[in-house]
Amino acid sequence: MAVEDEPDFRTVLEQWLSAGYELILLSQGQGLLEEIGQLQPDAVLLDIGLPGLDGVTLCRRLRENPQTAATPVLMLSGMTDEETLSRAREAGASGMLAKPVERAELRARINDLLEHRTPRLRAA
């Protein structure tokens, strides 16, 4: 599952990931909170700079929910300053990648998160 508000990058994510994963793309964070309980994704990709509920807030809420507390969360951001990295870590992010991200690096990080996740893997 990925939450990205930028249409062009959502298209890139779909092209890069839909062939190897069951990918659900959302354009806003509220949709994640509404659907995550039903969908129970194996991992979540979050853009830090989402409008409304930003990625840090969403990650924090996922960690506070017993149903999603162990779900790996990979944060994506164009901001790589120490404050942004610190906020992501404090929110409980499993990892962070700076945009623009390379396809191979993104897939490798996702695979790493999934390998360390317990049974419900969906990678193809």
PDB file of N, CA and C in Angstrom:
ATOM      1  N   MET A   1       0.854  -1.158   0.000  1.00  0.00           N
ATOM      2  CA  MET A   1       0.000   0.000   0.000  1.00  0.00           C
ATOM      3  C   MET A   1       0.900   1.221   0.000  1.00  0.00           C
ATOM      4  N   ALA A   2       0.549   2.214  -0.820  1.00  0.00           N
ATOM      5  CA  ALA A   2       1.337   3.439  -0.886  1.00  0.00           C
ATOM      6  C   ALA A   2       0.410   4.647  -0.849  1.00  0.00           C
ATOM      7  N   VAL A   3       0.849   5.691  -0.143  1.00  0.00           N
ATOM      8  CA  VAL A   3       0.108   6.945  -0.090  1.00  0.00           C
ATOM      9  C   VAL A   3       1.027   8.025  -0.641  1.00  0.00           C
ATOM     10  N   GLU A   4       0.624   8.576  -1.786  1.00  0.00           N
ATOM     11  CA  GLU A   4       1.408   9.598  -2.478  1.00  0.00           C
ATOM     12  C   GLU A   4       0.447  10.573  -3.127  1.00  0.00           C
ATOM     13  N   ASP A   5       0.598  11.854  -2.818  1.00  0.00           N
ATOM     14  CA  ASP A   5      -0.331  12.851  -3.359  1.00  0.00           C
ATOM     15  C   ASP A   5       0.054  13.367  -4.734  1.00  0.00           C
ATOM     16  N   GLU A   6       1.292  13.214  -5.130  1.00  0.00           N
ATOM     17  CA  GLU A   6       1.748  13.727  -6.417  1.00  0.00           C
ATOM     18  C   GLU A   6       1.388  12.742  -7.539  1.00  0.00           C
ATOM     19  N   PRO A   7       0.499  13.136  -8.467  1.00  0.00           N
ATOM     20  CA  PRO A   7       0.024  12.216  -9.511  1.00  0.00           C
ATOM     21  C   PRO A   7       1.130  11.585 -10.348  1.00  0.00           C
ATOM     22  N   ASP A   8       2.156  12.364 -10.704  1.00  0.00           N
ATOM     23  CA  ASP A   8       3.231  11.810 -11.530  1.00  0.00           C
ATOM     24  C   ASP A   8       3.999  10.723 -10.788  1.00  0.00           C
ATOM     25  N   PHE A   9       4.259  10.941  -9.509  1.00  0.00           N
ATOM     26  CA  PHE A   9       4.995   9.931  -8.755  1.00  0.00           C
ATOM     27  C   PHE A   9       4.120   8.712  -8.460  1.00  0.00           C
ATOM     28  N   ARG A  10       2.812   8.911  -8.297  1.00  0.00           N
ATOM     29  CA  ARG A  10       1.900   7.758  -8.153  1.00  0.00           C
ATOM     30  C   ARG A  10       1.976   6.886  -9.400  1.00  0.00           C
ATOM     31  N   THR A  11       2.022   7.518 -10.568  1.00  0.00           N
ATOM     32  CA  THR A  11       2.135   6.770 -11.823  1.00  0.00           C
ATOM     33  C   THR A  11       3.446   5.989 -11.861  1.00  0.00           C
ATOM     34  N   VAL A  12       4.521   6.619 -11.431  1.00  0.00           N
ATOM     35  CA  VAL A  12       5.824   5.947 -11.388  1.00  0.00           C
ATOM     36  C   VAL A  12       5.754   4.747 -10.445  1.00  0.00           C
ATOM     37  N   LEU A  13       5.195   4.937  -9.266  1.00  0.00           N
ATOM     38  CA  LEU A  13       5.082   3.829  -8.315  1.00  0.00           C
ATOM     39  C   LEU A  13       4.278   2.678  -8.914  1.00  0.00           C
ATOM     40  N   GLU A  14       3.200   3.011  -9.584  1.00  0.00           N
ATOM     41  CA  GLU A  14       2.367   1.977 -10.202  1.00  0.00           C
ATOM     42  C   GLU A  14       3.158   1.217 -11.263  1.00  0.00           C
ATOM     43  N   GLN A  15       3.899   1.926 -12.094  1.00  0.00           N
ATOM     44  CA  GLN A  15       4.688   1.277 -13.133  1.00  0.00           C
ATOM     45  C   GLN A  15       5.791   0.412 -12.537  1.00  0.00           C
ATOM     46  N   TRP A  16       6.454   0.908 -11.526  1.00  0.00           N
ATOM     47  CA  TRP A  16       7.579   0.202 -10.928  1.00  0.00           C
ATOM     48  C   TRP A  16       7.170  -0.985 -10.062  1.00  0.00           C
ATOM     49  N   LEU A  17       6.011  -0.895  -9.413  1.00  0.00           N
ATOM     50  CA  LEU A  17       5.689  -1.888  -8.385  1.00  0.00           C
ATOM     51  C   LEU A  17       4.532  -2.821  -8.708  1.00  0.00           C
ATOM     52  N   SER A  18       3.641  -2.441  -9.596  1.00  0.00           N
ATOM     53  CA  SER A  18       2.448  -3.262  -9.808  1.00  0.00           C
ATOM     54  C   SER A  18       2.763  -4.617 -10.431  1.00  0.00           C
ATOM     55  N   ALA A  19       3.877  -4.743 -11.116  1.00  0.00           N
ATOM     56  CA  ALA A  19       4.232  -6.031 -11.722  1.00  0.00           C
ATOM     57  C   ALA A  19       4.706  -7.047 -10.679  1.00  0.00           C
ATOM     58  N   GLY A  20       5.206  -6.602  -9.559  1.00  0.00           N
ATOM     59  CA  GLY A  20       5.751  -7.544  -8.591  1.00  0.00           C
ATOM     60  C   GLY A  20       5.022  -7.618  -7.267  1.00  0.00           C
ATOM     61  N   TYR A  21       4.079  -6.714  -7.056  1.00  0.00           N
ATOM     62  CA  TYR A  21       3.395  -6.645  -5.770  1.00  0.00           C
ATOM     63  C   TYR A  21       1.908  -6.378  -5.985  1.00  0.00           C
ATOM     64  N   GLU A  22       1.113  -6.752  -5.018  1.00  0.00           N
ATOM     65  CA  GLU A  22      -0.288  -6.317  -4.997  1.00  0.00           C
ATOM     66  C   GLU A  22      -0.248  -4.897  -4.443  1.00  0.00           C
ATOM     67  N   LEU A  23      -0.395  -3.919  -5.310  1.00  0.00           N
ATOM     68  CA  LEU A  23      -0.211  -2.527  -4.928  1.00  0.00           C
ATOM     69  C   LEU A  23      -1.541  -1.798  -4.851  1.00  0.00           C
ATOM     70  N   ILE A  24      -1.748  -1.124  -3.758  1.00  0.00           N
ATOM     71  CA  ILE A  24      -2.909  -0.246  -3.581  1.00  0.00           C
ATOM     72  C   ILE A  24      -2.348   1.153  -3.411  1.00  0.00           C
ATOM     73  N   LEU A  25      -2.742   2.062  -4.304  1.00  0.00           N
ATOM     74  CA  LEU A  25      -2.265   3.442  -4.269  1.00  0.00           C
ATOM     75  C   LEU A  25      -3.368   4.371  -3.797  1.00  0.00           C
ATOM     76  N   LEU A  26      -3.032   5.211  -2.846  1.00  0.00           N
ATOM     77  CA  LEU A  26      -3.970   6.208  -2.342  1.00  0.00           C
ATOM     78  C   LEU A  26      -3.349   7.592  -2.513  1.00  0.00           C
ATOM     79  N   SER A  27      -4.202   8.597  -2.689  1.00  0.00           N
ATOM     80  CA  SER A  27      -3.689   9.946  -2.885  1.00  0.00           C
ATOM     81  C   SER A  27      -3.727  10.790  -1.615  1.00  0.00           C
ATOM     82  N   GLN A  28      -4.361  10.284  -0.565  1.00  0.00           N
ATOM     83  CA  GLN A  28      -4.415  11.048   0.682  1.00  0.00           C
ATOM     84  C   GLN A  28      -4.382  10.121   1.884  1.00  0.00           C
ATOM     85  N   GLY A  29      -3.899  10.652   2.983  1.00  0.00           N
ATOM     86  CA  GLY A  29      -3.702   9.857   4.177  1.00  0.00           C
ATOM     87  C   GLY A  29      -4.958   9.358   4.844  1.00  0.00           C
ATOM     88  N   GLN A  30      -6.038  10.115   4.771  1.00  0.00           N
ATOM     89  CA  GLN A  30      -7.272   9.689   5.420  1.00  0.00           C
ATOM     90  C   GLN A  30      -7.740   8.346   4.857  1.00  0.00           C
ATOM     91  N   GLY A  31      -7.548   8.135   3.560  1.00  0.00           N
ATOM     92  CA  GLY A  31      -7.919   6.864   2.950  1.00  0.00           C
ATOM     93  C   GLY A  31      -7.162   5.693   3.556  1.00  0.00           C
ATOM     94  N   LEU A  32      -5.911   5.911   3.918  1.00  0.00           N
ATOM     95  CA  LEU A  32      -5.110   4.872   4.552  1.00  0.00           C
ATOM     96  C   LEU A  32      -5.728   4.468   5.879  1.00  0.00           C
ATOM     97  N   LEU A  33      -6.044   5.436   6.708  1.00  0.00           N
ATOM     98  CA  LEU A  33      -6.606   5.125   8.019  1.00  0.00           C
ATOM     99  C   LEU A  33      -7.956   4.426   7.899  1.00  0.00           C
ATOM    100  N   GLU A  34      -8.720   4.768   6.872  1.00  0.00           N
ATOM    101  CA  GLU A  34     -10.033   4.158   6.681  1.00  0.00           C
ATOM    102  C   GLU A  34      -9.942   2.729   6.154  1.00  0.00           C
ATOM    103  N   GLU A  35      -8.935   2.424   5.349  1.00  0.00           N
ATOM    104  CA  GLU A  35      -8.876   1.132   4.671  1.00  0.00           C
ATOM    105  C   GLU A  35      -7.875   0.141   5.240  1.00  0.00           C
ATOM    106  N   ILE A  36      -6.925   0.588   6.017  1.00  0.00           N
ATOM    107  CA  ILE A  36      -5.831  -0.290   6.413  1.00  0.00           C
ATOM    108  C   ILE A  36      -6.287  -1.488   7.246  1.00  0.00           C
ATOM    109  N   GLY A  37      -7.299  -1.314   8.073  1.00  0.00           N
ATOM    110  CA  GLY A  37      -7.780  -2.424   8.888  1.00  0.00           C
ATOM    111  C   GLY A  37      -8.335  -3.557   8.046  1.00  0.00           C
ATOM    112  N   GLN A  38      -9.054  -3.219   6.993  1.00  0.00           N
ATOM    113  CA  GLN A  38      -9.619  -4.236   6.109  1.00  0.00           C
ATOM    114  C   GLN A  38      -8.558  -4.860   5.217  1.00  0.00           C
ATOM    115  N   LEU A  39      -7.651  -4.050   4.706  1.00  0.00           N
ATOM    116  CA  LEU A  39      -6.687  -4.524   3.720  1.00  0.00           C
ATOM    117  C   LEU A  39      -5.480  -5.221   4.328  1.00  0.00           C
ATOM    118  N   GLN A  40      -5.094  -4.839   5.507  1.00  0.00           N
ATOM    119  CA  GLN A  40      -3.952  -5.411   6.218  1.00  0.00           C
ATOM    120  C   GLN A  40      -2.737  -5.588   5.302  1.00  0.00           C
ATOM    121  N   PRO A  41      -2.183  -4.489   4.809  1.00  0.00           N
ATOM    122  CA  PRO A  41      -1.033  -4.585   3.907  1.00  0.00           C
ATOM    123  C   PRO A  41       0.198  -5.110   4.623  1.00  0.00           C
ATOM    124  N   ASP A  42       1.092  -5.684   3.853  1.00  0.00           N
ATOM    125  CA  ASP A  42       2.346  -6.197   4.406  1.00  0.00           C
ATOM    126  C   ASP A  42       3.358  -5.085   4.636  1.00  0.00           C
ATOM    127  N   ALA A  43       3.196  -3.967   3.930  1.00  0.00           N
ATOM    128  CA  ALA A  43       4.067  -2.812   4.098  1.00  0.00           C
ATOM    129  C   ALA A  43       3.331  -1.575   3.583  1.00  0.00           C
ATOM    130  N   VAL A  44       3.743  -0.419   4.074  1.00  0.00           N
ATOM    131  CA  VAL A  44       3.136   0.851   3.663  1.00  0.00           C
ATOM    132  C   VAL A  44       4.250   1.806   3.255  1.00  0.00           C
ATOM    133  N   LEU A  45       4.074   2.432   2.093  1.00  0.00           N
ATOM    134  CA  LEU A  45       4.961   3.502   1.645  1.00  0.00           C
ATOM    135  C   LEU A  45       4.232   4.815   1.893  1.00  0.00           C
ATOM    136  N   LEU A  46       4.874   5.732   2.578  1.00  0.00           N
ATOM    137  CA  LEU A  46       4.242   7.014   2.915  1.00  0.00           C
ATOM    138  C   LEU A  46       5.099   8.181   2.473  1.00  0.00           C
ATOM    139  N   ASP A  47       4.490   9.101   1.759  1.00  0.00           N
ATOM    140  CA  ASP A  47       5.134  10.368   1.456  1.00  0.00           C
ATOM    141  C   ASP A  47       5.058  11.213   2.730  1.00  0.00           C
ATOM    142  N   ILE A  48       6.162  11.779   3.133  1.00  0.00           N
ATOM    143  CA  ILE A  48       6.151  12.599   4.345  1.00  0.00           C
ATOM    144  C   ILE A  48       5.320  13.856   4.146  1.00  0.00           C
ATOM    145  N   GLY A  49       5.402  14.474   2.975  1.00  0.00           N
ATOM    146  CA  GLY A  49       4.771  15.765   2.749  1.00  0.00           C
ATOM    147  C   GLY A  49       3.355  15.710   2.229  1.00  0.00           C
ATOM    148  N   LEU A  50       2.551  14.810   2.717  1.00  0.00           N
ATOM    149  CA  LEU A  50       1.151  14.746   2.292  1.00  0.00           C
ATOM    150  C   LEU A  50       0.375  15.939   2.840  1.00  0.00           C
ATOM    151  N   PRO A  51      -0.578  16.454   2.057  1.00  0.00           N
ATOM    152  CA  PRO A  51      -1.437  17.512   2.597  1.00  0.00           C
ATOM    153  C   PRO A  51      -2.408  16.923   3.622  1.00  0.00           C
ATOM    154  N   GLY A  52      -2.859  17.732   4.536  1.00  0.00           N
ATOM    155  CA  GLY A  52      -3.769  17.229   5.574  1.00  0.00           C
ATOM    156  C   GLY A  52      -2.983  16.390   6.563  1.00  0.00           C
ATOM    157  N   LEU A  53      -3.317  15.117   6.643  1.00  0.00           N
ATOM    158  CA  LEU A  53      -2.574  14.204   7.514  1.00  0.00           C
ATOM    159  C   LEU A  53      -1.249  13.868   6.828  1.00  0.00           C
ATOM    160  N   ASP A  54      -0.147  14.402   7.346  1.00  0.00           N
ATOM    161  CA  ASP A  54       1.138  14.143   6.707  1.00  0.00           C
ATOM    162  C   ASP A  54       1.649  12.747   7.051  1.00  0.00           C
ATOM    163  N   GLY A  55       2.706  12.337   6.377  1.00  0.00           N
ATOM    164  CA  GLY A  55       3.247  10.997   6.560  1.00  0.00           C
ATOM    165  C   GLY A  55       3.698  10.690   7.974  1.00  0.00           C
ATOM    166  N   VAL A  56       4.264  11.671   8.655  1.00  0.00           N
ATOM    167  CA  VAL A  56       4.727  11.459  10.030  1.00  0.00           C
ATOM    168  C   VAL A  56       3.535  11.188  10.945  1.00  0.00           C
ATOM    169  N   THR A  57       2.486  11.966  10.808  1.00  0.00           N
ATOM    170  CA  THR A  57       1.280  11.765  11.615  1.00  0.00           C
ATOM    171  C   THR A  57       0.665  10.406  11.322  1.00  0.00           C
ATOM    172  N   LEU A  58       0.608  10.047  10.050  1.00  0.00           N
ATOM    173  CA  LEU A  58       0.045   8.744   9.675  1.00  0.00           C
ATOM    174  C   LEU A  58       0.868   7.598  10.245  1.00  0.00           C
ATOM    175  N   CYS A  59       2.175   7.706  10.155  1.00  0.00           N
ATOM    176  CA  CYS A  59       3.041   6.664  10.703  1.00  0.00           C
ATOM    177  C   CYS A  59       2.819   6.523  12.203  1.00  0.00           C
ATOM    178  N   ARG A  60       2.747   7.641  12.883  1.00  0.00           N
ATOM    179  CA  ARG A  60       2.515   7.619  14.334  1.00  0.00           C
ATOM    180  C   ARG A  60       1.187   6.918  14.652  1.00  0.00           C
ATOM    181  N   ARG A  61       0.149   7.226  13.873  1.00  0.00           N
ATOM    182  CA  ARG A  61      -1.157   6.592  14.107  1.00  0.00           C
ATOM    183  C   ARG A  61      -1.120   5.102  13.814  1.00  0.00           C
ATOM    184  N   LEU A  62      -0.370   4.700  12.807  1.00  0.00           N
ATOM    185  CA  LEU A  62      -0.232   3.264  12.522  1.00  0.00           C
ATOM    186  C   LEU A  62       0.449   2.559  13.684  1.00  0.00           C
ATOM    187  N   ARG A  63       1.455   3.194  14.254  1.00  0.00           N
ATOM    188  CA  ARG A  63       2.191   2.592  15.377  1.00  0.00           C
ATOM    189  C   ARG A  63       1.334   2.521  16.642  1.00  0.00           C
ATOM    190  N   GLU A  64       0.415   3.451  16.806  1.00  0.00           N
ATOM    191  CA  GLU A  64      -0.445   3.466  17.989  1.00  0.00           C
ATOM    192  C   GLU A  64      -1.565   2.435  17.915  1.00  0.00           C
ATOM    193  N   ASN A  65      -1.883   1.963  16.736  1.00  0.00           N
ATOM    194  CA  ASN A  65      -2.966   1.006  16.529  1.00  0.00           C
ATOM    195  C   ASN A  65      -2.406  -0.415  16.650  1.00  0.00           C
ATOM    196  N   PRO A  66      -2.881  -1.216  17.601  1.00  0.00           N
ATOM    197  CA  PRO A  66      -2.353  -2.573  17.769  1.00  0.00           C
ATOM    198  C   PRO A  66      -2.453  -3.425  16.494  1.00  0.00           C
ATOM    199  N   GLN A  67      -3.446  -3.155  15.672  1.00  0.00           N
ATOM    200  CA  GLN A  67      -3.644  -3.924  14.443  1.00  0.00           C
ATOM    201  C   GLN A  67      -2.565  -3.618  13.397  1.00  0.00           C
ATOM    202  N   THR A  68      -1.971  -2.427  13.449  1.00  0.00           N
ATOM    203  CA  THR A  68      -0.992  -2.033  12.433  1.00  0.00           C
ATOM    204  C   THR A  68       0.376  -1.681  13.015  1.00  0.00           C
ATOM    205  N   ALA A  69       0.545  -1.855  14.299  1.00  0.00           N
ATOM    206  CA  ALA A  69       1.780  -1.436  14.963  1.00  0.00           C
ATOM    207  C   ALA A  69       3.034  -2.090  14.381  1.00  0.00           C
ATOM    208  N   ALA A  70       2.931  -3.308  13.904  1.00  0.00           N
ATOM    209  CA  ALA A  70       4.097  -4.017  13.382  1.00  0.00           C
ATOM    210  C   ALA A  70       4.232  -3.917  11.862  1.00  0.00           C
ATOM    211  N   THR A  71       3.319  -3.228  11.194  1.00  0.00           N
ATOM    212  CA  THR A  71       3.386  -3.095   9.742  1.00  0.00           C
ATOM    213  C   THR A  71       4.579  -2.217   9.365  1.00  0.00           C
ATOM    214  N   PRO A  72       5.483  -2.722   8.520  1.00  0.00           N
ATOM    215  CA  PRO A  72       6.623  -1.898   8.105  1.00  0.00           C
ATOM    216  C   PRO A  72       6.161  -0.654   7.357  1.00  0.00           C
ATOM    217  N   VAL A  73       6.794   0.478   7.666  1.00  0.00           N
ATOM    218  CA  VAL A  73       6.462   1.748   7.027  1.00  0.00           C
ATOM    219  C   VAL A  73       7.741   2.349   6.448  1.00  0.00           C
ATOM    220  N   LEU A  74       7.745   2.517   5.142  1.00  0.00           N
ATOM    221  CA  LEU A  74       8.873   3.149   4.460  1.00  0.00           C
ATOM    222  C   LEU A  74       8.444   4.554   4.067  1.00  0.00           C
ATOM    223  N   MET A  75       9.135   5.544   4.584  1.00  0.00           N
ATOM    224  CA  MET A  75       8.817   6.940   4.307  1.00  0.00           C
ATOM    225  C   MET A  75       9.609   7.406   3.095  1.00  0.00           C
ATOM    226  N   LEU A  76       8.954   8.219   2.264  1.00  0.00           N
ATOM    227  CA  LEU A  76       9.583   8.815   1.086  1.00  0.00           C
ATOM    228  C   LEU A  76       9.489  10.328   1.222  1.00  0.00           C
ATOM    229  N   SER A  77      10.594  11.014   0.924  1.00  0.00           N
ATOM    230  CA  SER A  77      10.570  12.462   1.079  1.00  0.00           C
ATOM    231  C   SER A  77      11.612  13.141   0.212  1.00  0.00           C
ATOM    232  N   GLY A  78      11.260  14.296  -0.279  1.00  0.00           N
ATOM    233  CA  GLY A  78      12.224  15.144  -0.963  1.00  0.00           C
ATOM    234  C   GLY A  78      13.074  15.918   0.026  1.00  0.00           C
ATOM    235  N   MET A  79      12.678  15.893   1.281  1.00  0.00           N
ATOM    236  CA  MET A  79      13.420  16.599   2.338  1.00  0.00           C
ATOM    237  C   MET A  79      14.321  15.589   3.047  1.00  0.00           C
ATOM    238  N   THR A  80      15.621  15.864   3.082  1.00  0.00           N
ATOM    239  CA  THR A  80      16.553  14.920   3.693  1.00  0.00           C
ATOM    240  C   THR A  80      17.336  15.537   4.844  1.00  0.00           C
ATOM    241  N   ASP A  81      16.836  16.653   5.358  1.00  0.00           N
ATOM    242  CA  ASP A  81      17.524  17.292   6.474  1.00  0.00           C
ATOM    243  C   ASP A  81      17.373  16.439   7.736  1.00  0.00           C
ATOM    244  N   GLU A  82      18.225  16.676   8.690  1.00  0.00           N
ATOM    245  CA  GLU A  82      18.245  15.876   9.922  1.00  0.00           C
ATOM    246  C   GLU A  82      16.932  15.962  10.682  1.00  0.00           C
ATOM    247  N   GLU A  83      16.290  17.122  10.673  1.00  0.00           N
ATOM    248  CA  GLU A  83      15.023  17.266  11.390  1.00  0.00           C
ATOM    249  C   GLU A  83      13.944  16.348  10.794  1.00  0.00           C
ATOM    250  N   THR A  84      13.871  16.290   9.480  1.00  0.00           N
ATOM    251  CA  THR A  84      12.892  15.423   8.821  1.00  0.00           C
ATOM    252  C   THR A  84      13.185  13.966   9.124  1.00  0.00           C
ATOM    253  N   LEU A  85      14.444  13.570   9.022  1.00  0.00           N
ATOM    254  CA  LEU A  85      14.832  12.192   9.330  1.00  0.00           C
ATOM    255  C   LEU A  85      14.504  11.843  10.781  1.00  0.00           C
ATOM    256  N   SER A  86      14.771  12.768  11.677  1.00  0.00           N
ATOM    257  CA  SER A  86      14.490  12.550  13.090  1.00  0.00           C
ATOM    258  C   SER A  86      12.992  12.387  13.340  1.00  0.00           C
ATOM    259  N   ARG A  87      12.176  13.231  12.703  1.00  0.00           N
ATOM    260  CA  ARG A  87      10.716  13.124  12.864  1.00  0.00           C
ATOM    261  C   ARG A  87      10.213  11.775  12.369  1.00  0.00           C
ATOM    262  N   ALA A  88      10.755  11.291  11.261  1.00  0.00           N
ATOM    263  CA  ALA A  88      10.345   9.992  10.715  1.00  0.00           C
ATOM    264  C   ALA A  88      10.729   8.861  11.670  1.00  0.00           C
ATOM    265  N   ARG A  89      11.942   8.918  12.206  1.00  0.00           N
ATOM    266  CA  ARG A  89      12.383   7.894  13.163  1.00  0.00           C
ATOM    267  C   ARG A  89      11.525   7.901  14.415  1.00  0.00           C
ATOM    268  N   GLU A  90      11.271   9.094  14.950  1.00  0.00           N
ATOM    269  CA  GLU A  90      10.467   9.219  16.165  1.00  0.00           C
ATOM    270  C   GLU A  90       9.039   8.722  15.964  1.00  0.00           C
ATOM    271  N   ALA A  91       8.520   8.853  14.753  1.00  0.00           N
ATOM    272  CA  ALA A  91       7.163   8.386  14.457  1.00  0.00           C
ATOM    273  C   ALA A  91       7.108   6.864  14.325  1.00  0.00           C
ATOM    274  N   GLY A  92       8.269   6.230  14.196  1.00  0.00           N
ATOM    275  CA  GLY A  92       8.312   4.780  14.102  1.00  0.00           C
ATOM    276  C   GLY A  92       8.518   4.232  12.706  1.00  0.00           C
ATOM    277  N   ALA A  93       8.999   5.062  11.784  1.00  0.00           N
ATOM    278  CA  ALA A  93       9.243   4.587  10.423  1.00  0.00           C
ATOM    279  C   ALA A  93      10.269   3.464  10.431  1.00  0.00           C
ATOM    280  N   SER A  94      10.048   2.473   9.583  1.00  0.00           N
ATOM    281  CA  SER A  94      10.979   1.358   9.449  1.00  0.00           C
ATOM    282  C   SER A  94      12.183   1.748   8.603  1.00  0.00           C
ATOM    283  N   GLY A  95      12.003   2.761   7.767  1.00  0.00           N
ATOM    284  CA  GLY A  95      13.076   3.226   6.906  1.00  0.00           C
ATOM    285  C   GLY A  95      12.640   4.469   6.174  1.00  0.00           C
ATOM    286  N   MET A  96      13.604   5.074   5.468  1.00  0.00           N
ATOM    287  CA  MET A  96      13.306   6.294   4.733  1.00  0.00           C
ATOM    288  C   MET A  96      14.149   6.335   3.482  1.00  0.00           C
ATOM    289  N   LEU A  97      13.535   6.810   2.394  1.00  0.00           N
ATOM    290  CA  LEU A  97      14.244   7.009   1.138  1.00  0.00           C
ATOM    291  C   LEU A  97      14.023   8.443   0.675  1.00  0.00           C
ATOM    292  N   ALA A  98      15.071   9.046   0.140  1.00  0.00           N
ATOM    293  CA  ALA A  98      14.981  10.397  -0.394  1.00  0.00           C
ATOM    294  C   ALA A  98      14.505  10.352  -1.839  1.00  0.00           C
ATOM    295  N   LYS A  99      13.599  11.267  -2.181  1.00  0.00           N
ATOM    296  CA  LYS A  99      13.172  11.434  -3.560  1.00  0.00           C
ATOM    297  C   LYS A  99      14.152  12.378  -4.243  1.00  0.00           C
ATOM    298  N   PRO A 100      14.472  12.228  -5.477  1.00  0.00           N
ATOM    299  CA  PRO A 100      13.990  11.157  -6.342  1.00  0.00           C
ATOM    300  C   PRO A 100      14.673   9.841  -5.975  1.00  0.00           C
ATOM    301  N   VAL A 101      13.914   8.789  -6.036  1.00  0.00           N
ATOM    302  CA  VAL A 101      14.405   7.470  -5.665  1.00  0.00           C
ATOM    303  C   VAL A 101      14.620   6.646  -6.938  1.00  0.00           C
ATOM    304  N   GLU A 102      15.593   5.787  -6.895  1.00  0.00           N
ATOM    305  CA  GLU A 102      15.858   4.883  -8.012  1.00  0.00           C
ATOM    306  C   GLU A 102      14.990   3.638  -7.867  1.00  0.00           C
ATOM    307  N   ARG A 103      14.517   3.119  -8.978  1.00  0.00           N
ATOM    308  CA  ARG A 103      13.639   1.944  -8.969  1.00  0.00           C
ATOM    309  C   ARG A 103      14.269   0.758  -8.230  1.00  0.00           C
ATOM    310  N   ALA A 104      15.510   0.451  -8.554  1.00  0.00           N
ATOM    311  CA  ALA A 104      16.170  -0.705  -7.935  1.00  0.00           C
ATOM    312  C   ALA A 104      16.281  -0.538  -6.424  1.00  0.00           C
ATOM    313  N   GLU A 105      16.605   0.676  -5.982  1.00  0.00           N
ATOM    314  CA  GLU A 105      16.732   0.919  -4.546  1.00  0.00           C
ATOM    315  C   GLU A 105      15.382   0.787  -3.845  1.00  0.00           C
ATOM    316  N   LEU A 106      14.329   1.327  -4.456  1.00  0.00           N
ATOM    317  CA  LEU A 106      12.996   1.227  -3.867  1.00  0.00           C
ATOM    318  C   LEU A 106      12.572  -0.227  -3.744  1.00  0.00           C
ATOM    319  N   ARG A 107      12.727  -0.996  -4.806  1.00  0.00           N
ATOM    320  CA  ARG A 107      12.334  -2.410  -4.763  1.00  0.00           C
ATOM    321  C   ARG A 107      13.176  -3.191  -3.741  1.00  0.00           C
ATOM    322  N   ALA A 108      14.461  -2.872  -3.663  1.00  0.00           N
ATOM    323  CA  ALA A 108      15.326  -3.559  -2.700  1.00  0.00           C
ATOM    324  C   ALA A 108      14.888  -3.264  -1.265  1.00  0.00           C
ATOM    325  N   ARG A 109      14.551  -2.015  -0.985  1.00  0.00           N
ATOM    326  CA  ARG A 109      14.109  -1.656   0.376  1.00  0.00           C
ATOM    327  C   ARG A 109      12.783  -2.311   0.718  1.00  0.00           C
ATOM    328  N   ILE A 110      11.867  -2.345  -0.250  1.00  0.00           N
ATOM    329  CA  ILE A 110      10.579  -3.006  -0.020  1.00  0.00           C
ATOM    330  C   ILE A 110      10.799  -4.491   0.237  1.00  0.00           C
ATOM    331  N   ASN A 111      11.611  -5.125  -0.586  1.00  0.00           N
ATOM    332  CA  ASN A 111      11.881  -6.552  -0.401  1.00  0.00           C
ATOM    333  C   ASN A 111      12.507  -6.831   0.956  1.00  0.00           C
ATOM    334  N   ASP A 112      13.399  -5.955   1.384  1.00  0.00           N
ATOM    335  CA  ASP A 112      14.020  -6.111   2.699  1.00  0.00           C
ATOM    336  C   ASP A 112      12.968  -6.028   3.804  1.00  0.00           C
ATOM    337  N   LEU A 113      12.067  -5.070   3.695  1.00  0.00           N
ATOM    338  CA  LEU A 113      10.998  -4.949   4.694  1.00  0.00           C
ATOM    339  C   LEU A 113      10.113  -6.191   4.702  1.00  0.00           C
ATOM    340  N   LEU A 114       9.803  -6.702   3.524  1.00  0.00           N
ATOM    341  CA  LEU A 114       8.932  -7.874   3.435  1.00  0.00           C
ATOM    342  C   LEU A 114       9.611  -9.143   3.943  1.00  0.00           C
ATOM    343  N   GLU A 115      10.913  -9.250   3.719  1.00  0.00           N
ATOM    344  CA  GLU A 115      11.648 -10.431   4.203  1.00  0.00           C
ATOM    345  C   GLU A 115      11.646 -10.505   5.726  1.00  0.00           C
ATOM    346  N   HIS A 116      11.595  -9.359   6.362  1.00  0.00           N
ATOM    347  CA  HIS A 116      11.615  -9.326   7.825  1.00  0.00           C
ATOM    348  C   HIS A 116      10.219  -9.261   8.428  1.00  0.00           C
ATOM    349  N   ARG A 117       9.232  -9.404   7.589  1.00  0.00           N
ATOM    350  CA  ARG A 117       7.822  -9.386   8.001  1.00  0.00           C
ATOM    351  C   ARG A 117       7.357 -10.821   8.156  1.00  0.00           C
ATOM    352  N   THR A 118       6.480 -11.069   9.067  1.00  0.00           N
ATOM    353  CA  THR A 118       5.961 -12.415   9.253  1.00  0.00           C
ATOM    354  C   THR A 118       4.777 -12.723   8.351  1.00  0.00           C
ATOM    355  N   PRO A 119       4.420 -13.927   8.242  1.00  0.00           N
ATOM    356  CA  PRO A 119       3.799 -14.705   7.188  1.00  0.00           C
ATOM    357  C   PRO A 119       3.019 -14.121   6.015  1.00  0.00           C
ATOM    358  N   ARG A 120       2.320 -13.052   6.085  1.00  0.00           N
ATOM    359  CA  ARG A 120       1.394 -12.683   5.009  1.00  0.00           C
ATOM    360  C   ARG A 120       2.072 -12.023   3.807  1.00  0.00           C
ATOM    361  N   LEU A 121       3.161 -12.493   3.323  1.00  0.00           N
ATOM    362  CA  LEU A 121       3.862 -11.856   2.225  1.00  0.00           C
ATOM    363  C   LEU A 121       3.072 -11.970   0.928  1.00  0.00           C
ATOM    364  N   ARG A 122       3.106 -10.896   0.155  1.00  0.00           N
ATOM    365  CA  ARG A 122       2.383 -10.889  -1.110  1.00  0.00           C
ATOM    366  C   ARG A 122       3.283 -10.554  -2.289  1.00  0.00           C
ATOM    367  N   ALA A 123       4.573 -10.492  -2.085  1.00  0.00           N
ATOM    368  CA  ALA A 123       5.458 -10.178  -3.212  1.00  0.00           C
ATOM    369  C   ALA A 123       5.389 -11.306  -4.215  1.00  0.00           C
ATOM    370  N   ALA A 124       5.380 -10.954  -5.485  1.00  0.00           N
ATOM    371  CA  ALA A 124       5.290 -11.967  -6.549  1.00  0.00           C
ATOM    372  C   ALA A 124       6.674 -12.393  -6.975  1.00  0.00           C
TER     373      ALA A 124
END
